[in-house]
C-alpha cells in the first residue's frame, strides 16, 4: 500500500490548507514564501484535486474512480464527488469525534473497532447511507484510547458535529441523519476545478 511520508504541516503549507481541516490543532510557524509567478489554469485545477486527495487521504486511482462514479450520477458531478468523499466511513468516524484525525479514523476502522448497523466493517472507504447507525464495538468502548483523560473523546470534546450527523459521545455511537448538502461540507476545495480537470 502506498504511504505518503511527507510531513503533514509541510504538505498543508504547500497546498495552502489550515491544519485544522485535518483535525490537527497545530499551526505552522513558517509562512510559505510564494514566488510572484502566476499559477496557470491547469495548476489551479491540479492543486484543488491534490487538496481533496490530501484532506480525505485518497490515492489517485480511487479518487478518479470516485469522480467517474460521481459523473454518472444525476446532479452536479462536483457536488456528488464531495458527498461521496464525505460519506466514507473513515471520514464519518472523524466527523463524529471518535478520532482526532482522518488517518486515525482509518486506523480505527482497519482494526475492526467499528460497527455499521450492528455489523463489523473494516473498510475505510465503505460508503455509509442516510439512516445508518455507526458505533464503536462494545468490547472497545471502555479502552483507554477513547476514555482516558488524554484520549480521543477528551481531544475532540470541542469539535462541532455536522448537522447531517447525530453523535452520542458517551455511548460512542452516531447516526447518519441525511446525505450532506454541499453547504454543510466545510472543506476548502473548489470541486468545479476538479471537474474541469477530469473532463478535459
C-alpha atoms as a PDB file:
ATOM      1  CA  UNK A   1       0.000   0.000   0.000  1.00  0.00           C
ATOM      2  CA  UNK A   2       1.295   3.467  -0.889  1.00  0.00           C
ATOM      3  CA  UNK A   3       2.083   5.694   2.079  1.00  0.00           C
ATOM      4  CA  UNK A   4       2.682   9.432   1.893  1.00  0.00           C
ATOM      5  CA  UNK A   5       5.563  10.197   4.271  1.00  0.00           C
ATOM      6  CA  UNK A   6       5.711  13.966   3.641  1.00  0.00           C
ATOM      7  CA  UNK A   7       5.275  15.821   6.985  1.00  0.00           C
ATOM      8  CA  UNK A   8       1.646  16.910   7.315  1.00  0.00           C
ATOM      9  CA  UNK A   9       2.354  20.571   8.142  1.00  0.00           C
ATOM     10  CA  UNK A  10       4.744  20.860   5.210  1.00  0.00           C
ATOM     11  CA  UNK A  11       2.081  19.464   2.865  1.00  0.00           C
ATOM     12  CA  UNK A  12      -0.536  21.815   4.360  1.00  0.00           C
ATOM     13  CA  UNK A  13       1.740  24.791   3.685  1.00  0.00           C
ATOM     14  CA  UNK A  14       2.379  23.682   0.113  1.00  0.00           C
ATOM     15  CA  UNK A  15      -1.348  23.324  -0.611  1.00  0.00           C
ATOM     16  CA  UNK A  16      -2.420  26.384   1.403  1.00  0.00           C
ATOM     17  CA  UNK A  17      -4.624  24.383   3.816  1.00  0.00           C
ATOM     18  CA  UNK A  18      -5.112  25.137   7.503  1.00  0.00           C
ATOM     19  CA  UNK A  19      -4.124  22.029   9.555  1.00  0.00           C
ATOM     20  CA  UNK A  20      -7.453  22.300  11.454  1.00  0.00           C
ATOM     21  CA  UNK A  21      -9.249  20.798   8.423  1.00  0.00           C
ATOM     22  CA  UNK A  22      -7.264  17.620   9.106  1.00  0.00           C
ATOM     23  CA  UNK A  23      -8.086  17.650  12.815  1.00  0.00           C
ATOM     24  CA  UNK A  24      -4.615  18.914  13.783  1.00  0.00           C
ATOM     25  CA  UNK A  25      -4.534  21.783  16.274  1.00  0.00           C
ATOM     26  CA  UNK A  26      -1.002  22.878  15.423  1.00  0.00           C
ATOM     27  CA  UNK A  27      -0.227  25.994  13.468  1.00  0.00           C
ATOM     28  CA  UNK A  28       2.691  26.174  11.119  1.00  0.00           C
ATOM     29  CA  UNK A  29       5.118  28.809  12.357  1.00  0.00           C
ATOM     30  CA  UNK A  30       6.675  29.233   8.929  1.00  0.00           C
ATOM     31  CA  UNK A  31       4.820  31.052   6.219  1.00  0.00           C
ATOM     32  CA  UNK A  32       5.078  29.761   2.681  1.00  0.00           C
ATOM     33  CA  UNK A  33       7.026  32.200   0.518  1.00  0.00           C
ATOM     34  CA  UNK A  34       5.224  32.374  -2.790  1.00  0.00           C
ATOM     35  CA  UNK A  35       7.060  33.354  -5.914  1.00  0.00           C
ATOM     36  CA  UNK A  36       5.454  36.143  -7.918  1.00  0.00           C
ATOM     37  CA  UNK A  37       4.644  33.753 -10.766  1.00  0.00           C
ATOM     38  CA  UNK A  38       1.027  33.426 -11.816  1.00  0.00           C
ATOM     39  CA  UNK A  39      -0.376  29.914 -11.447  1.00  0.00           C
ATOM     40  CA  UNK A  40      -1.761  28.524 -14.704  1.00  0.00           C
ATOM     41  CA  UNK A  41      -5.343  27.320 -15.032  1.00  0.00           C
ATOM     42  CA  UNK A  42      -4.120  23.718 -15.074  1.00  0.00           C
ATOM     43  CA  UNK A  43      -2.008  24.419 -11.964  1.00  0.00           C
ATOM     44  CA  UNK A  44      -5.076  25.701 -10.085  1.00  0.00           C
ATOM     45  CA  UNK A  45      -7.138  22.665 -11.107  1.00  0.00           C
ATOM     46  CA  UNK A  46      -4.354  20.283 -10.084  1.00  0.00           C
ATOM     47  CA  UNK A  47      -3.959  21.992  -6.709  1.00  0.00           C
ATOM     48  CA  UNK A  48      -7.685  21.615  -5.926  1.00  0.00           C
ATOM     49  CA  UNK A  49      -7.520  17.912  -6.772  1.00  0.00           C
ATOM     50  CA  UNK A  50      -4.406  17.471  -4.604  1.00  0.00           C
ATOM     51  CA  UNK A  51      -6.127  19.303  -1.725  1.00  0.00           C
ATOM     52  CA  UNK A  52      -9.171  16.999  -1.853  1.00  0.00           C
ATOM     53  CA  UNK A  53      -6.987  13.880  -2.095  1.00  0.00           C
ATOM     54  CA  UNK A  54      -4.807  15.012   0.816  1.00  0.00           C
ATOM     55  CA  UNK A  55      -7.668  16.052   3.116  1.00  0.00           C
ATOM     56  CA  UNK A  56      -9.592  12.797   2.646  1.00  0.00           C
ATOM     57  CA  UNK A  57      -6.490  10.592   2.361  1.00  0.00           C
ATOM     58  CA  UNK A  58      -7.423   9.099  -1.024  1.00  0.00           C
ATOM     59  CA  UNK A  59      -4.877   7.999  -3.628  1.00  0.00           C
ATOM     60  CA  UNK A  60      -5.106   8.860  -7.342  1.00  0.00           C
ATOM     61  CA  UNK A  61      -6.767   5.722  -8.725  1.00  0.00           C
ATOM     62  CA  UNK A  62      -9.588   5.516  -6.144  1.00  0.00           C
ATOM     63  CA  UNK A  63     -10.063   9.297  -6.437  1.00  0.00           C
ATOM     64  CA  UNK A  64     -10.507   9.002 -10.210  1.00  0.00           C
ATOM     65  CA  UNK A  65     -12.980   6.144  -9.658  1.00  0.00           C
ATOM     66  CA  UNK A  66     -14.957   8.396  -7.286  1.00  0.00           C
ATOM     67  CA  UNK A  67     -15.041  11.104  -9.962  1.00  0.00           C
ATOM     68  CA  UNK A  68     -16.196   8.701 -12.696  1.00  0.00           C
ATOM     69  CA  UNK A  69     -18.961   7.367 -10.447  1.00  0.00           C
ATOM     70  CA  UNK A  70     -19.977  10.935  -9.438  1.00  0.00           C
ATOM     71  CA  UNK A  71     -20.088  11.926 -13.123  1.00  0.00           C
ATOM     72  CA  UNK A  72     -22.522   9.075 -13.912  1.00  0.00           C
ATOM     73  CA  UNK A  73     -24.869  10.043 -11.055  1.00  0.00           C
ATOM     74  CA  UNK A  74     -27.670  12.554 -11.564  1.00  0.00           C
ATOM     75  CA  UNK A  75     -26.939  16.100 -10.430  1.00  0.00           C
ATOM     76  CA  UNK A  76     -23.688  18.046 -10.480  1.00  0.00           C
ATOM     77  CA  UNK A  77     -20.568  15.874 -10.666  1.00  0.00           C
ATOM     78  CA  UNK A  78     -18.558  18.105  -8.303  1.00  0.00           C
ATOM     79  CA  UNK A  79     -21.175  18.052  -5.545  1.00  0.00           C
ATOM     80  CA  UNK A  80     -21.664  14.294  -5.967  1.00  0.00           C
ATOM     81  CA  UNK A  81     -17.893  13.809  -5.626  1.00  0.00           C
ATOM     82  CA  UNK A  82     -17.724  15.834  -2.399  1.00  0.00           C
ATOM     83  CA  UNK A  83     -20.704  13.935  -0.942  1.00  0.00           C
ATOM     84  CA  UNK A  84     -19.113  10.573  -1.742  1.00  0.00           C
ATOM     85  CA  UNK A  85     -15.856  11.614  -0.083  1.00  0.00           C
ATOM     86  CA  UNK A  86     -17.741  12.934   2.937  1.00  0.00           C
ATOM     87  CA  UNK A  87     -19.756   9.689   3.296  1.00  0.00           C
ATOM     88  CA  UNK A  88     -16.649   7.481   3.529  1.00  0.00           C
ATOM     89  CA  UNK A  89     -16.729   5.558   6.807  1.00  0.00           C
ATOM     90  CA  UNK A  90     -13.334   6.878   7.984  1.00  0.00           C
ATOM     91  CA  UNK A  91     -14.484  10.477   7.396  1.00  0.00           C
ATOM     92  CA  UNK A  92     -17.772   9.879   9.256  1.00  0.00           C
ATOM     93  CA  UNK A  93     -15.863   8.463  12.256  1.00  0.00           C
ATOM     94  CA  UNK A  94     -13.692  11.623  12.192  1.00  0.00           C
ATOM     95  CA  UNK A  95     -16.739  13.911  11.890  1.00  0.00           C
ATOM     96  CA  UNK A  96     -18.499  12.178  14.795  1.00  0.00           C
ATOM     97  CA  UNK A  97     -15.482  12.971  17.009  1.00  0.00           C
ATOM     98  CA  UNK A  98     -14.443   9.334  17.517  1.00  0.00           C
ATOM     99  CA  UNK A  99     -10.982  10.050  16.047  1.00  0.00           C
ATOM    100  CA  UNK A 100      -8.626  13.038  16.201  1.00  0.00           C
ATOM    101  CA  UNK A 101      -7.721  12.882  12.507  1.00  0.00           C
ATOM    102  CA  UNK A 102      -8.921  11.055   9.405  1.00  0.00           C
ATOM    103  CA  UNK A 103      -5.734   8.976   9.494  1.00  0.00           C
ATOM    104  CA  UNK A 104      -6.568   7.826  12.998  1.00  0.00           C
ATOM    105  CA  UNK A 105     -10.162   7.130  11.900  1.00  0.00           C
ATOM    106  CA  UNK A 106      -8.811   4.951   9.077  1.00  0.00           C
ATOM    107  CA  UNK A 107      -6.726   3.007  11.581  1.00  0.00           C
ATOM    108  CA  UNK A 108      -9.716   2.568  13.923  1.00  0.00           C
ATOM    109  CA  UNK A 109     -11.780   1.152  11.039  1.00  0.00           C
ATOM    110  CA  UNK A 110      -8.868  -1.081   9.878  1.00  0.00           C
ATOM    111  CA  UNK A 111      -8.521  -2.509  13.389  1.00  0.00           C
ATOM    112  CA  UNK A 112     -12.194  -3.609  13.366  1.00  0.00           C
ATOM    113  CA  UNK A 113     -13.398  -1.240  16.093  1.00  0.00           C
ATOM    114  CA  UNK A 114     -16.422  -0.046  14.071  1.00  0.00           C
ATOM    115  CA  UNK A 115     -19.901  -1.479  13.601  1.00  0.00           C
ATOM    116  CA  UNK A 116     -22.309  -0.203  10.940  1.00  0.00           C
ATOM    117  CA  UNK A 117     -25.909  -1.239  11.669  1.00  0.00           C
ATOM    118  CA  UNK A 118     -24.556  -3.880  14.068  1.00  0.00           C
ATOM    119  CA  UNK A 119     -22.133  -5.434  11.541  1.00  0.00           C
ATOM    120  CA  UNK A 120     -18.361  -5.083  11.844  1.00  0.00           C
ATOM    121  CA  UNK A 121     -16.883  -3.130   8.925  1.00  0.00           C
ATOM    122  CA  UNK A 122     -13.123  -2.768   8.396  1.00  0.00           C
ATOM    123  CA  UNK A 123     -13.117  -0.948   5.046  1.00  0.00           C
ATOM    124  CA  UNK A 124     -12.327   2.789   5.479  1.00  0.00           C
ATOM    125  CA  UNK A 125     -13.811   3.645   2.058  1.00  0.00           C
ATOM    126  CA  UNK A 126     -17.163   1.974   2.888  1.00  0.00           C
ATOM    127  CA  UNK A 127     -19.973   4.333   1.816  1.00  0.00           C
ATOM    128  CA  UNK A 128     -22.463   4.990   4.611  1.00  0.00           C
ATOM    129  CA  UNK A 129     -26.058   5.892   3.812  1.00  0.00           C
ATOM    130  CA  UNK A 130     -28.741   8.037   5.444  1.00  0.00           C
ATOM    131  CA  UNK A 131     -30.191   6.162   8.416  1.00  0.00           C
ATOM    132  CA  UNK A 132     -27.042   4.104   9.119  1.00  0.00           C
ATOM    133  CA  UNK A 133     -26.072   3.660  12.759  1.00  0.00           C
ATOM    134  CA  UNK A 134     -22.328   3.764  13.397  1.00  0.00           C
ATOM    135  CA  UNK A 135     -20.813   2.711  16.713  1.00  0.00           C
ATOM    136  CA  UNK A 136     -17.581   1.602  18.300  1.00  0.00           C
ATOM    137  CA  UNK A 137     -17.652  -2.123  19.155  1.00  0.00           C
ATOM    138  CA  UNK A 138     -18.789  -2.865  22.726  1.00  0.00           C
ATOM    139  CA  UNK A 139     -15.509  -4.513  23.773  1.00  0.00           C
ATOM    140  CA  UNK A 140     -13.529  -1.420  22.610  1.00  0.00           C
ATOM    141  CA  UNK A 141     -15.702   1.306  24.170  1.00  0.00           C
ATOM    142  CA  UNK A 142     -14.023   1.183  27.572  1.00  0.00           C
ATOM    143  CA  UNK A 143     -10.464   1.211  26.201  1.00  0.00           C
ATOM    144  CA  UNK A 144      -8.084   3.970  27.261  1.00  0.00           C
ATOM    145  CA  UNK A 145      -7.775   5.035  23.620  1.00  0.00           C
ATOM    146  CA  UNK A 146     -11.229   6.616  23.840  1.00  0.00           C
ATOM    147  CA  UNK A 147     -11.967   7.206  27.520  1.00  0.00           C
ATOM    148  CA  UNK A 148      -8.617   8.225  29.091  1.00  0.00           C
ATOM    149  CA  UNK A 149      -8.171  11.868  30.085  1.00  0.00           C
ATOM    150  CA  UNK A 150      -5.783  12.310  27.158  1.00  0.00           C
ATOM    151  CA  UNK A 151      -7.849  10.009  24.927  1.00  0.00           C
ATOM    152  CA  UNK A 152      -9.802  10.710  21.760  1.00  0.00           C
ATOM    153  CA  UNK A 153     -13.025  11.940  23.402  1.00  0.00           C
ATOM    154  CA  UNK A 154     -11.117  14.477  25.521  1.00  0.00           C
ATOM    155  CA  UNK A 155      -9.216  15.698  22.447  1.00  0.00           C
ATOM    156  CA  UNK A 156     -12.339  16.087  20.290  1.00  0.00           C
ATOM    157  CA  UNK A 157     -14.661  17.467  23.002  1.00  0.00           C
ATOM    158  CA  UNK A 158     -14.897  20.955  21.453  1.00  0.00           C
ATOM    159  CA  UNK A 159     -15.385  19.790  17.881  1.00  0.00           C
ATOM    160  CA  UNK A 160     -18.708  20.613  16.225  1.00  0.00           C
ATOM    161  CA  UNK A 161     -20.558  17.642  14.745  1.00  0.00           C
ATOM    162  CA  UNK A 162     -22.108  18.499  11.341  1.00  0.00           C
ATOM    163  CA  UNK A 163     -25.893  18.842  11.212  1.00  0.00           C
ATOM    164  CA  UNK A 164     -26.273  15.784   8.956  1.00  0.00           C
ATOM    165  CA  UNK A 165     -24.872  13.575  11.746  1.00  0.00           C
ATOM    166  CA  UNK A 166     -26.033  12.879  15.287  1.00  0.00           C
ATOM    167  CA  UNK A 167     -23.389  11.803  17.817  1.00  0.00           C
ATOM    168  CA  UNK A 168     -23.611  10.341  21.309  1.00  0.00           C
ATOM    169  CA  UNK A 169     -20.069  10.554  22.674  1.00  0.00           C
ATOM    170  CA  UNK A 170     -20.999   8.797  25.936  1.00  0.00           C
ATOM    171  CA  UNK A 171     -22.180   5.673  24.116  1.00  0.00           C
ATOM    172  CA  UNK A 172     -19.661   6.155  21.257  1.00  0.00           C
ATOM    173  CA  UNK A 173     -22.329   5.872  18.606  1.00  0.00           C
ATOM    174  CA  UNK A 174     -23.852   8.079  15.966  1.00  0.00           C
ATOM    175  CA  UNK A 175     -26.489   8.176  13.232  1.00  0.00           C
ATOM    176  CA  UNK A 176     -26.241   9.482   9.676  1.00  0.00           C
ATOM    177  CA  UNK A 177     -29.395  11.611   9.598  1.00  0.00           C
ATOM    178  CA  UNK A 178     -29.115  12.670   5.974  1.00  0.00           C
ATOM    179  CA  UNK A 179     -26.840  12.922   2.952  1.00  0.00           C
ATOM    180  CA  UNK A 180     -24.840  16.146   3.402  1.00  0.00           C
ATOM    181  CA  UNK A 181     -25.637  19.169   1.241  1.00  0.00           C
ATOM    182  CA  UNK A 182     -22.597  20.891  -0.304  1.00  0.00           C
ATOM    183  CA  UNK A 183     -23.038  23.888   2.034  1.00  0.00           C
ATOM    184  CA  UNK A 184     -22.665  21.556   5.039  1.00  0.00           C
ATOM    185  CA  UNK A 185     -19.235  20.339   3.858  1.00  0.00           C
ATOM    186  CA  UNK A 186     -16.688  22.794   5.286  1.00  0.00           C
ATOM    187  CA  UNK A 187     -13.732  21.635   3.196  1.00  0.00           C
ATOM    188  CA  UNK A 188     -11.793  24.405   1.369  1.00  0.00           C
ATOM    189  CA  UNK A 189     -11.939  22.738  -2.057  1.00  0.00           C
ATOM    190  CA  UNK A 190     -13.361  24.168  -5.281  1.00  0.00           C
ATOM    191  CA  UNK A 191     -14.791  20.976  -6.763  1.00  0.00           C
ATOM    192  CA  UNK A 192     -15.671  22.685 -10.056  1.00  0.00           C
ATOM    193  CA  UNK A 193     -11.958  22.965 -10.862  1.00  0.00           C
ATOM    194  CA  UNK A 194     -11.585  19.200 -10.259  1.00  0.00           C
ATOM    195  CA  UNK A 195     -14.464  18.549 -12.674  1.00  0.00           C
ATOM    196  CA  UNK A 196     -12.793  20.798 -15.267  1.00  0.00           C
ATOM    197  CA  UNK A 197      -9.502  18.935 -14.808  1.00  0.00           C
ATOM    198  CA  UNK A 198     -11.012  15.482 -15.315  1.00  0.00           C
ATOM    199  CA  UNK A 199     -13.373  16.483 -18.132  1.00  0.00           C
ATOM    200  CA  UNK A 200     -10.536  17.590 -20.450  1.00  0.00           C
END
